Amino acid sequence: MSPTIFREGGFRFYFFSREEPRIHVHVHGQNGEAKFWLEPEVKLAQNYGLSPKELSEALSLIKEYEYDIHTAWRRHFHS
Protein backbone atom coordinates (compact mmCIF):
# COMPACT_ATOMS: atom_id res chain seq x y z
CA MET A 1 0.00 0.00 0.00
CA SER A 2 1.33 3.43 -0.89
CA PRO A 3 -1.06 6.21 0.14
CA THR A 4 -0.85 9.46 -1.81
CA ILE A 5 -0.31 12.52 0.37
CA PHE A 6 -0.83 15.08 -2.38
CA ARG A 7 -0.26 15.79 -6.07
CA GLU A 8 1.16 19.02 -7.38
CA GLY A 9 3.36 20.29 -10.21
CA GLY A 10 3.16 16.98 -12.07
CA PHE A 11 4.37 15.03 -9.03
CA ARG A 12 2.76 12.47 -6.76
CA PHE A 13 3.98 12.49 -3.15
CA TYR A 14 3.41 9.26 -1.23
CA PHE A 15 4.56 6.76 1.41
CA PHE A 16 5.21 3.03 1.25
CA SER A 17 3.36 1.40 4.11
CA ARG A 18 5.97 -1.24 4.91
CA GLU A 19 9.24 0.56 4.77
CA GLU A 20 11.72 1.94 7.27
CA PRO A 21 10.50 3.98 10.26
CA ARG A 22 12.57 7.12 9.57
CA ILE A 23 10.23 9.77 8.20
CA HIS A 24 10.55 10.25 4.46
CA VAL A 25 8.46 10.80 1.35
CA HIS A 26 8.58 9.33 -2.14
CA VAL A 27 8.04 11.51 -5.19
CA HIS A 28 6.95 10.22 -8.59
CA GLY A 29 7.35 12.47 -11.61
CA GLN A 30 7.10 12.09 -15.35
CA ASN A 31 10.74 10.99 -15.73
CA GLY A 32 11.30 8.93 -12.61
CA GLU A 33 11.06 8.99 -8.86
CA ALA A 34 13.01 9.95 -5.77
CA LYS A 35 12.99 9.55 -2.01
CA PHE A 36 13.58 12.42 0.41
CA TRP A 37 14.37 12.27 4.12
CA LEU A 38 12.44 14.70 6.28
CA GLU A 39 14.47 14.20 9.44
CA PRO A 40 16.80 15.37 10.76
CA GLU A 41 16.56 17.71 7.76
CA VAL A 42 14.88 17.65 4.35
CA LYS A 43 17.32 16.15 1.85
CA LEU A 44 17.53 13.77 -1.06
CA ALA A 45 17.97 10.11 -0.12
CA GLN A 46 17.75 8.45 -3.56
CA ASN A 47 17.00 9.46 -7.12
CA TYR A 48 15.85 7.24 -9.97
CA GLY A 49 15.68 9.38 -13.08
CA LEU A 50 14.45 12.82 -12.01
CA SER A 51 16.43 15.70 -13.49
CA PRO A 52 18.14 18.29 -11.28
CA LYS A 53 15.32 20.71 -12.16
CA GLU A 54 12.65 18.17 -11.16
CA LEU A 55 14.50 17.40 -7.92
CA SER A 56 14.66 21.09 -7.10
CA GLU A 57 10.94 21.51 -7.79
CA ALA A 58 10.07 18.45 -5.69
CA LEU A 59 12.28 19.67 -2.84
CA SER A 60 10.57 23.07 -2.87
CA LEU A 61 7.15 21.40 -2.69
CA ILE A 62 8.27 19.12 0.14
CA LYS A 63 9.48 22.13 2.12
CA GLU A 64 6.24 23.98 1.37
CA TYR A 65 4.10 21.03 2.51
CA GLU A 66 6.43 19.67 5.20
CA TYR A 67 3.88 20.11 8.00
CA ASP A 68 1.21 18.29 5.96
CA ILE A 69 3.62 15.44 5.18
CA HIS A 70 4.48 15.04 8.88
CA THR A 71 0.77 15.07 9.77
CA ALA A 72 -0.03 12.45 7.12
CA TRP A 73 2.89 10.31 8.33
CA ARG A 74 1.63 10.35 11.94
CA ARG A 75 -1.91 9.54 10.84
CA HIS A 76 -0.84 6.69 8.60
CA PHE A 77 1.79 5.03 10.75
CA HIS A 78 0.44 5.66 14.25
CA SER A 79 -3.22 4.91 13.71
PDB file of N, CA and C in Angstrom:
ATOM      1  N   MET A   1       0.839  -1.178   0.000  1.00  0.00           N
ATOM      2  CA  MET A   1       0.000   0.000   0.000  1.00  0.00           C
ATOM      3  C   MET A   1       0.888   1.246   0.000  1.00  0.00           C
ATOM      4  N   SER A   2       0.546   2.197  -0.834  1.00  0.00           N
ATOM      5  CA  SER A   2       1.325   3.429  -0.887  1.00  0.00           C
ATOM      6  C   SER A   2       0.370   4.616  -0.993  1.00  0.00           C
ATOM      7  N   PRO A   3      -0.093   5.112   0.153  1.00  0.00           N
ATOM      8  CA  PRO A   3      -1.060   6.208   0.138  1.00  0.00           C
ATOM      9  C   PRO A   3      -0.471   7.509  -0.413  1.00  0.00           C
ATOM     10  N   THR A   4      -1.241   8.162  -1.259  1.00  0.00           N
ATOM     11  CA  THR A   4      -0.852   9.457  -1.812  1.00  0.00           C
ATOM     12  C   THR A   4      -1.130  10.545  -0.778  1.00  0.00           C
ATOM     13  N   ILE A   5      -0.156  11.400  -0.553  1.00  0.00           N
ATOM     14  CA  ILE A   5      -0.310  12.516   0.373  1.00  0.00           C
ATOM     15  C   ILE A   5      -0.906  13.698  -0.379  1.00  0.00           C
ATOM     16  N   PHE A   6      -0.288  14.026  -1.523  1.00  0.00           N
ATOM     17  CA  PHE A   6      -0.826  15.083  -2.382  1.00  0.00           C
ATOM     18  C   PHE A   6      -0.184  14.983  -3.757  1.00  0.00           C
ATOM     19  N   ARG A   7      -0.781  15.672  -4.701  1.00  0.00           N
ATOM     20  CA  ARG A   7      -0.257  15.788  -6.069  1.00  0.00           C
ATOM     21  C   ARG A   7      -0.144  17.270  -6.402  1.00  0.00           C
ATOM     22  N   GLU A   8       0.975  17.621  -6.962  1.00  0.00           N
ATOM     23  CA  GLU A   8       1.160  19.018  -7.382  1.00  0.00           C
ATOM     24  C   GLU A   8       2.344  19.100  -8.335  1.00  0.00           C
ATOM     25  N   GLY A   9       2.253  20.030  -9.290  1.00  0.00           N
ATOM     26  CA  GLY A   9       3.356  20.288 -10.210  1.00  0.00           C
ATOM     27  C   GLY A   9       3.766  19.082 -11.030  1.00  0.00           C
ATOM     28  N   GLY A  10       2.829  18.179 -11.307  1.00  0.00           N
ATOM     29  CA  GLY A  10       3.158  16.980 -12.074  1.00  0.00           C
ATOM     30  C   GLY A  10       3.786  15.877 -11.241  1.00  0.00           C
ATOM     31  N   PHE A  11       3.798  16.030  -9.929  1.00  0.00           N
ATOM     32  CA  PHE A  11       4.374  15.032  -9.030  1.00  0.00           C
ATOM     33  C   PHE A  11       3.303  14.392  -8.155  1.00  0.00           C
ATOM     34  N   ARG A  12       3.556  13.161  -7.774  1.00  0.00           N
ATOM     35  CA  ARG A  12       2.755  12.473  -6.761  1.00  0.00           C
ATOM     36  C   ARG A  12       3.670  12.244  -5.562  1.00  0.00           C
ATOM     37  N   PHE A  13       3.220  12.650  -4.383  1.00  0.00           N
ATOM     38  CA  PHE A  13       3.981  12.493  -3.145  1.00  0.00           C
ATOM     39  C   PHE A  13       3.281  11.420  -2.324  1.00  0.00           C
ATOM     40  N   TYR A  14       4.033  10.413  -1.880  1.00  0.00           N
ATOM     41  CA  TYR A  14       3.410   9.262  -1.231  1.00  0.00           C
ATOM     42  C   TYR A  14       4.373   8.554  -0.274  1.00  0.00           C
ATOM     43  N   PHE A  15       3.788   7.631   0.510  1.00  0.00           N
ATOM     44  CA  PHE A  15       4.561   6.760   1.406  1.00  0.00           C
ATOM     45  C   PHE A  15       4.417   5.323   0.930  1.00  0.00           C
ATOM     46  N   PHE A  16       5.372   4.475   1.309  1.00  0.00           N
ATOM     47  CA  PHE A  16       5.206   3.032   1.246  1.00  0.00           C
ATOM     48  C   PHE A  16       4.851   2.593   2.649  1.00  0.00           C
ATOM     49  N   SER A  17       3.842   1.785   2.782  1.00  0.00           N
ATOM     50  CA  SER A  17       3.362   1.400   4.113  1.00  0.00           C
ATOM     51  C   SER A  17       4.340   0.519   4.879  1.00  0.00           C
ATOM     52  N   ARG A  18       5.095  -0.288   4.215  1.00  0.00           N
ATOM     53  CA  ARG A  18       5.971  -1.236   4.913  1.00  0.00           C
ATOM     54  C   ARG A  18       7.436  -0.966   4.594  1.00  0.00           C
ATOM     55  N   GLU A  19       7.862   0.181   5.002  1.00  0.00           N
ATOM     56  CA  GLU A  19       9.245   0.559   4.774  1.00  0.00           C
ATOM     57  C   GLU A  19       9.837   1.019   6.093  1.00  0.00           C
ATOM     58  N   GLU A  20      11.021   1.538   6.059  1.00  0.00           N
ATOM     59  CA  GLU A  20      11.723   1.939   7.272  1.00  0.00           C
ATOM     60  C   GLU A  20      10.975   3.000   8.088  1.00  0.00           C
ATOM     61  N   PRO A  21      11.238   3.065   9.394  1.00  0.00           N
ATOM     62  CA  PRO A  21      10.499   3.977  10.263  1.00  0.00           C
ATOM     63  C   PRO A  21      10.934   5.445  10.196  1.00  0.00           C
ATOM     64  N   ARG A  22      12.108   5.730   9.667  1.00  0.00           N
ATOM     65  CA  ARG A  22      12.567   7.120   9.572  1.00  0.00           C
ATOM     66  C   ARG A  22      11.663   7.878   8.598  1.00  0.00           C
ATOM     67  N   ILE A  23      11.189   9.043   9.008  1.00  0.00           N
ATOM     68  CA  ILE A  23      10.226   9.775   8.196  1.00  0.00           C
ATOM     69  C   ILE A  23      10.837  10.231   6.870  1.00  0.00           C
ATOM     70  N   HIS A  24      10.117   9.912   5.811  1.00  0.00           N
ATOM     71  CA  HIS A  24      10.555  10.253   4.464  1.00  0.00           C
ATOM     72  C   HIS A  24       9.338  10.269   3.548  1.00  0.00           C
ATOM     73  N   VAL A  25       9.533  10.751   2.339  1.00  0.00           N
ATOM     74  CA  VAL A  25       8.457  10.798   1.351  1.00  0.00           C
ATOM     75  C   VAL A  25       9.033  10.403  -0.006  1.00  0.00           C
ATOM     76  N   HIS A  26       8.219   9.700  -0.767  1.00  0.00           N
ATOM     77  CA  HIS A  26       8.581   9.335  -2.139  1.00  0.00           C
ATOM     78  C   HIS A  26       7.888  10.305  -3.081  1.00  0.00           C
ATOM     79  N   VAL A  27       8.552  10.583  -4.196  1.00  0.00           N
ATOM     80  CA  VAL A  27       8.036  11.511  -5.195  1.00  0.00           C
ATOM     81  C   VAL A  27       8.100  10.825  -6.553  1.00  0.00           C
ATOM     82  N   HIS A  28       6.984  10.787  -7.248  1.00  0.00           N
ATOM     83  CA  HIS A  28       6.948  10.216  -8.590  1.00  0.00           C
ATOM     84  C   HIS A  28       6.656  11.332  -9.577  1.00  0.00           C
ATOM     85  N   GLY A  29       7.517  11.458 -10.568  1.00  0.00           N
ATOM     86  CA  GLY A  29       7.346  12.466 -11.607  1.00  0.00           C
ATOM     87  C   GLY A  29       7.305  11.808 -12.967  1.00  0.00           C
ATOM     88  N   GLN A  30       7.209  12.601 -13.980  1.00  0.00           N
ATOM     89  CA  GLN A  30       7.100  12.088 -15.346  1.00  0.00           C
ATOM     90  C   GLN A  30       8.323  11.266 -15.756  1.00  0.00           C
ATOM     91  N   ASN A  31       9.505  11.639 -15.279  1.00  0.00           N
ATOM     92  CA  ASN A  31      10.738  10.987 -15.732  1.00  0.00           C
ATOM     93  C   ASN A  31      11.368  10.031 -14.732  1.00  0.00           C
ATOM     94  N   GLY A  32      10.723   9.829 -13.596  1.00  0.00           N
ATOM     95  CA  GLY A  32      11.303   8.930 -12.607  1.00  0.00           C
ATOM     96  C   GLY A  32      10.742   9.191 -11.231  1.00  0.00           C
ATOM     97  N   GLU A  33      11.501   8.774 -10.227  1.00  0.00           N
ATOM     98  CA  GLU A  33      11.064   8.989  -8.855  1.00  0.00           C
ATOM     99  C   GLU A  33      12.254   9.178  -7.933  1.00  0.00           C
ATOM    100  N   ALA A  34      11.958   9.682  -6.748  1.00  0.00           N
ATOM    101  CA  ALA A  34      13.005   9.955  -5.769  1.00  0.00           C
ATOM    102  C   ALA A  34      12.440   9.758  -4.370  1.00  0.00           C
ATOM    103  N   LYS A  35      13.344   9.672  -3.420  1.00  0.00           N
ATOM    104  CA  LYS A  35      12.991   9.551  -2.012  1.00  0.00           C
ATOM    105  C   LYS A  35      13.725  10.653  -1.264  1.00  0.00           C
ATOM    106  N   PHE A  36      13.004  11.332  -0.385  1.00  0.00           N
ATOM    107  CA  PHE A  36      13.579  12.421   0.406  1.00  0.00           C
ATOM    108  C   PHE A  36      13.399  12.129   1.886  1.00  0.00           C
ATOM    109  N   TRP A  37      14.460  12.309   2.655  1.00  0.00           N
ATOM    110  CA  TRP A  37      14.371  12.265   4.116  1.00  0.00           C
ATOM    111  C   TRP A  37      13.722  13.560   4.584  1.00  0.00           C
ATOM    112  N   LEU A  38      12.987  13.500   5.671  1.00  0.00           N
ATOM    113  CA  LEU A  38      12.439  14.704   6.281  1.00  0.00           C
ATOM    114  C   LEU A  38      13.103  14.992   7.621  1.00  0.00           C
ATOM    115  N   GLU A  39      13.776  14.016   8.163  1.00  0.00           N
ATOM    116  CA  GLU A  39      14.468  14.200   9.444  1.00  0.00           C
ATOM    117  C   GLU A  39      15.855  13.597   9.353  1.00  0.00           C
ATOM    118  N   PRO A  40      16.856  14.175   9.924  1.00  0.00           N
ATOM    119  CA  PRO A  40      16.801  15.369  10.760  1.00  0.00           C
ATOM    120  C   PRO A  40      16.623  16.655   9.956  1.00  0.00           C
ATOM    121  N   GLU A  41      16.791  16.562   8.629  1.00  0.00           N
ATOM    122  CA  GLU A  41      16.559  17.709   7.756  1.00  0.00           C
ATOM    123  C   GLU A  41      16.014  17.186   6.435  1.00  0.00           C
ATOM    124  N   VAL A  42      15.394  18.043   5.664  1.00  0.00           N
ATOM    125  CA  VAL A  42      14.876  17.646   4.355  1.00  0.00           C
ATOM    126  C   VAL A  42      16.049  17.553   3.391  1.00  0.00           C
ATOM    127  N   LYS A  43      16.257  16.325   2.839  1.00  0.00           N
ATOM    128  CA  LYS A  43      17.323  16.153   1.853  1.00  0.00           C
ATOM    129  C   LYS A  43      17.076  14.901   1.023  1.00  0.00           C
ATOM    130  N   LEU A  44      17.681  14.879  -0.137  1.00  0.00           N
ATOM    131  CA  LEU A  44      17.533  13.773  -1.063  1.00  0.00           C
ATOM    132  C   LEU A  44      18.178  12.517  -0.498  1.00  0.00           C
ATOM    133  N   ALA A  45      17.436  11.406  -0.541  1.00  0.00           N
ATOM    134  CA  ALA A  45      17.972  10.114  -0.118  1.00  0.00           C
ATOM    135  C   ALA A  45      18.371   9.279  -1.332  1.00  0.00           C
ATOM    136  N   GLN A  46      17.486   9.229  -2.341  1.00  0.00           N
ATOM    137  CA  GLN A  46      17.745   8.451  -3.556  1.00  0.00           C
ATOM    138  C   GLN A  46      17.041   9.111  -4.728  1.00  0.00           C
ATOM    139  N   ASN A  47      17.609   8.930  -5.909  1.00  0.00           N
ATOM    140  CA  ASN A  47      16.996   9.459  -7.123  1.00  0.00           C
ATOM    141  C   ASN A  47      17.058   8.412  -8.218  1.00  0.00           C
ATOM    142  N   TYR A  48      15.941   8.194  -8.875  1.00  0.00           N
ATOM    143  CA  TYR A  48      15.850   7.243  -9.975  1.00  0.00           C
ATOM    144  C   TYR A  48      15.268   7.932 -11.202  1.00  0.00           C
ATOM    145  N   GLY A  49      16.053   8.815 -11.802  1.00  0.00           N
ATOM    146  CA  GLY A  49      15.683   9.383 -13.081  1.00  0.00           C
ATOM    147  C   GLY A  49      15.177  10.810 -13.114  1.00  0.00           C
ATOM    148  N   LEU A  50      14.906  11.428 -11.977  1.00  0.00           N
ATOM    149  CA  LEU A  50      14.451  12.818 -12.009  1.00  0.00           C
ATOM    150  C   LEU A  50      15.638  13.734 -12.316  1.00  0.00           C
ATOM    151  N   SER A  51      15.387  14.741 -13.120  1.00  0.00           N
ATOM    152  CA  SER A  51      16.431  15.696 -13.490  1.00  0.00           C
ATOM    153  C   SER A  51      16.726  16.620 -12.305  1.00  0.00           C
ATOM    154  N   PRO A  52      17.861  17.312 -12.341  1.00  0.00           N
ATOM    155  CA  PRO A  52      18.142  18.287 -11.284  1.00  0.00           C
ATOM    156  C   PRO A  52      17.020  19.310 -11.117  1.00  0.00           C
ATOM    157  N   LYS A  53      16.428  19.748 -12.229  1.00  0.00           N
ATOM    158  CA  LYS A  53      15.321  20.708 -12.156  1.00  0.00           C
ATOM    159  C   LYS A  53      14.115  20.086 -11.449  1.00  0.00           C
ATOM    160  N   GLU A  54      13.787  18.851 -11.799  1.00  0.00           N
ATOM    161  CA  GLU A  54      12.653  18.171 -11.158  1.00  0.00           C
ATOM    162  C   GLU A  54      12.919  17.955  -9.673  1.00  0.00           C
ATOM    163  N   LEU A  55      14.146  17.583  -9.329  1.00  0.00           N
ATOM    164  CA  LEU A  55      14.499  17.395  -7.916  1.00  0.00           C
ATOM    165  C   LEU A  55      14.345  18.695  -7.144  1.00  0.00           C
ATOM    166  N   SER A  56      14.777  19.793  -7.748  1.00  0.00           N
ATOM    167  CA  SER A  56      14.658  21.093  -7.101  1.00  0.00           C
ATOM    168  C   SER A  56      13.193  21.470  -6.893  1.00  0.00           C
ATOM    169  N   GLU A  57      12.372  21.221  -7.903  1.00  0.00           N
ATOM    170  CA  GLU A  57      10.938  21.513  -7.790  1.00  0.00           C
ATOM    171  C   GLU A  57      10.292  20.652  -6.707  1.00  0.00           C
ATOM    172  N   ALA A  58      10.624  19.362  -6.698  1.00  0.00           N
ATOM    173  CA  ALA A  58      10.068  18.453  -5.693  1.00  0.00           C
ATOM    174  C   ALA A  58      10.504  18.874  -4.292  1.00  0.00           C
ATOM    175  N   LEU A  59      11.769  19.228  -4.141  1.00  0.00           N
ATOM    176  CA  LEU A  59      12.280  19.665  -2.844  1.00  0.00           C
ATOM    177  C   LEU A  59      11.549  20.910  -2.360  1.00  0.00           C
ATOM    178  N   SER A  60      11.315  21.854  -3.248  1.00  0.00           N
ATOM    179  CA  SER A  60      10.570  23.066  -2.869  1.00  0.00           C
ATOM    180  C   SER A  60       9.169  22.721  -2.393  1.00  0.00           C
ATOM    181  N   LEU A  61       8.495  21.797  -3.088  1.00  0.00           N
ATOM    182  CA  LEU A  61       7.146  21.400  -2.692  1.00  0.00           C
ATOM    183  C   LEU A  61       7.154  20.659  -1.359  1.00  0.00           C
ATOM    184  N   ILE A  62       8.159  19.828  -1.145  1.00  0.00           N
ATOM    185  CA  ILE A  62       8.266  19.120   0.139  1.00  0.00           C
ATOM    186  C   ILE A  62       8.438  20.124   1.274  1.00  0.00           C
ATOM    187  N   LYS A  63       9.285  21.110   1.078  1.00  0.00           N
ATOM    188  CA  LYS A  63       9.480  22.125   2.117  1.00  0.00           C
ATOM    189  C   LYS A  63       8.206  22.931   2.343  1.00  0.00           C
ATOM    190  N   GLU A  64       7.480  23.230   1.254  1.00  0.00           N
ATOM    191  CA  GLU A  64       6.235  23.978   1.369  1.00  0.00           C
ATOM    192  C   GLU A  64       5.171  23.182   2.133  1.00  0.00           C
ATOM    193  N   TYR A  65       5.127  21.892   1.908  1.00  0.00           N
ATOM    194  CA  TYR A  65       4.104  21.030   2.508  1.00  0.00           C
ATOM    195  C   TYR A  65       4.650  20.140   3.630  1.00  0.00           C
ATOM    196  N   GLU A  66       5.778  20.513   4.189  1.00  0.00           N
ATOM    197  CA  GLU A  66       6.429  19.669   5.200  1.00  0.00           C
ATOM    198  C   GLU A  66       5.508  19.354   6.383  1.00  0.00           C
ATOM    199  N   TYR A  67       4.794  20.341   6.868  1.00  0.00           N
ATOM    200  CA  TYR A  67       3.880  20.114   7.996  1.00  0.00           C
ATOM    201  C   TYR A  67       2.811  19.083   7.617  1.00  0.00           C
ATOM    202  N   ASP A  68       2.241  19.227   6.421  1.00  0.00           N
ATOM    203  CA  ASP A  68       1.212  18.295   5.957  1.00  0.00           C
ATOM    204  C   ASP A  68       1.760  16.879   5.802  1.00  0.00           C
ATOM    205  N   ILE A  69       2.994  16.756   5.332  1.00  0.00           N
ATOM    206  CA  ILE A  69       3.616  15.438   5.183  1.00  0.00           C
ATOM    207  C   ILE A  69       3.809  14.798   6.550  1.00  0.00           C
ATOM    208  N   HIS A  70       4.307  15.568   7.516  1.00  0.00           N
ATOM    209  CA  HIS A  70       4.482  15.044   8.882  1.00  0.00           C
ATOM    210  C   HIS A  70       3.143  14.604   9.465  1.00  0.00           C
ATOM    211  N   THR A  71       2.109  15.401   9.260  1.00  0.00           N
ATOM    212  CA  THR A  71       0.774  15.071   9.771  1.00  0.00           C
ATOM    213  C   THR A  71       0.264  13.783   9.138  1.00  0.00           C
ATOM    214  N   ALA A  72       0.408  13.658   7.825  1.00  0.00           N
ATOM    215  CA  ALA A  72      -0.031  12.452   7.122  1.00  0.00           C
ATOM    216  C   ALA A  72       0.749  11.229   7.589  1.00  0.00           C
ATOM    217  N   TRP A  73       2.045  11.410   7.851  1.00  0.00           N
ATOM    218  CA  TRP A  73       2.886  10.307   8.332  1.00  0.00           C
ATOM    219  C   TRP A  73       2.360   9.810   9.682  1.00  0.00           C
ATOM    220  N   ARG A  74       2.132  10.738  10.604  1.00  0.00           N
ATOM    221  CA  ARG A  74       1.632  10.350  11.938  1.00  0.00           C
ATOM    222  C   ARG A  74       0.288   9.638  11.838  1.00  0.00           C
ATOM    223  N   ARG A  75      -0.600  10.165  11.017  1.00  0.00           N
ATOM    224  CA  ARG A  75      -1.910   9.537  10.841  1.00  0.00           C
ATOM    225  C   ARG A  75      -1.792   8.131  10.279  1.00  0.00           C
ATOM    226  N   HIS A  76      -0.954   7.972   9.282  1.00  0.00           N
ATOM    227  CA  HIS A  76      -0.844   6.687   8.597  1.00  0.00           C
ATOM    228  C   HIS A  76      -0.126   5.629   9.448  1.00  0.00           C
ATOM    229  N   PHE A  77       0.974   6.018  10.067  1.00  0.00           N
ATOM    230  CA  PHE A  77       1.795   5.025  10.751  1.00  0.00           C
ATOM    231  C   PHE A  77       1.475   4.863  12.231  1.00  0.00           C
ATOM    232  N   HIS A  78       0.739   5.769  12.819  1.00  0.00           N
ATOM    233  CA  HIS A  78       0.435   5.657  14.248  1.00  0.00           C
ATOM    234  C   HIS A  78      -1.051   5.459  14.518  1.00  0.00           C
ATOM    235  N   SER A  79      -1.793   5.124  13.477  1.00  0.00           N
ATOM    236  CA  SER A  79      -3.219   4.912  13.706  1.00  0.00           C
ATOM    237  C   SER A  79      -3.553   3.440  13.806  1.00  0.00           C
TER     238      SER A  79
END
